[in-house]
Protein backbone atom coordinates (compact mmCIF):
# COMPACT_ATOMS: atom_id res chain seq x y z
CA UNK A 1 74.11 -25.28 52.72
CA UNK A 2 72.73 -22.39 51.39
CA UNK A 3 68.81 -22.02 50.68
CA UNK A 4 68.07 -22.55 47.07
CA UNK A 5 64.69 -21.21 45.48
CA UNK A 6 63.83 -23.88 43.27
CA UNK A 7 60.47 -22.08 41.78
CA UNK A 8 59.37 -18.69 42.85
CA UNK A 9 55.83 -18.65 44.38
CA UNK A 10 53.16 -16.36 43.33
CA UNK A 11 53.35 -12.78 44.19
CA UNK A 12 51.88 -11.52 47.34
CA UNK A 13 49.62 -8.78 46.24
CA UNK A 14 45.96 -10.25 45.28
CA UNK A 15 44.10 -8.81 42.29
CA UNK A 16 40.50 -9.28 41.80
CA UNK A 17 38.50 -8.65 38.52
CA UNK A 18 34.79 -8.17 37.70
CA UNK A 19 32.41 -6.58 35.25
CA UNK A 20 29.68 -4.10 35.91
CA UNK A 21 26.47 -5.29 35.31
CA UNK A 22 24.97 -1.85 34.12
CA UNK A 23 27.71 -0.49 31.79
CA UNK A 24 29.99 -3.79 31.06
CA UNK A 25 33.09 -2.20 32.41
CA UNK A 26 35.45 -4.76 33.42
CA UNK A 27 37.83 -3.73 36.08
CA UNK A 28 40.42 -4.87 38.55
CA UNK A 29 40.86 -3.98 42.17
CA UNK A 30 42.77 -4.74 45.41
CA UNK A 31 41.00 -6.08 48.40
CA UNK A 32 41.61 -2.93 50.34
CA UNK A 33 39.76 -1.04 47.49
CA UNK A 34 36.68 -2.81 48.32
CA UNK A 35 34.29 -3.88 51.19
CA UNK A 36 34.58 -7.64 52.06
CA UNK A 37 31.29 -9.39 52.86
CA UNK A 38 31.11 -12.68 54.39
CA UNK A 39 27.86 -14.57 53.26
CA UNK A 40 27.57 -18.09 54.79
CA UNK A 41 24.51 -18.89 52.47
CA UNK A 42 25.75 -17.51 49.18
CA UNK A 43 29.61 -17.24 49.45
CA UNK A 44 31.98 -14.55 50.47
CA UNK A 45 32.13 -11.64 47.98
CA UNK A 46 33.32 -8.24 47.60
CA UNK A 47 31.31 -5.06 47.14
CA UNK A 48 32.84 -2.07 45.12
CA UNK A 49 31.54 0.81 42.95
CA UNK A 50 32.07 0.55 39.25
CA UNK A 51 34.97 3.12 38.32
CA UNK A 52 33.18 4.27 35.24
CA UNK A 53 29.57 4.59 36.04
CA UNK A 54 29.35 4.47 39.93
CA UNK A 55 27.16 1.60 40.19
CA UNK A 56 27.62 -1.02 42.99
CA UNK A 57 29.08 -4.19 41.65
CA UNK A 58 29.54 -7.52 43.59
CA UNK A 59 32.75 -9.89 42.91
CA UNK A 60 33.22 -13.21 44.07
CA UNK A 61 36.13 -13.96 46.38
CA UNK A 62 38.31 -15.41 43.67
CA UNK A 63 41.74 -13.86 42.82
CA UNK A 64 42.22 -13.31 39.03
CA UNK A 65 46.16 -12.99 39.32
CA UNK A 66 48.73 -12.11 41.79
CA UNK A 67 51.17 -9.33 41.44
CA UNK A 68 54.78 -8.75 43.31
CA UNK A 69 54.83 -5.64 45.48
């Protein structure tokens, strides 16, 4: 019997989205573009500079969407 895919899974590339608190720019990034910070008290998050104004932004560890690579 051959293997048959019933429903394709999500993509394997995680994309995150955040909004800059200084200039309100909304941007997406991949995990390798940001610094992951493990925080037991407040929850894990990503630290990344805004591509528009350069302000340091913080994004929660919540995937916005998946992409196939």
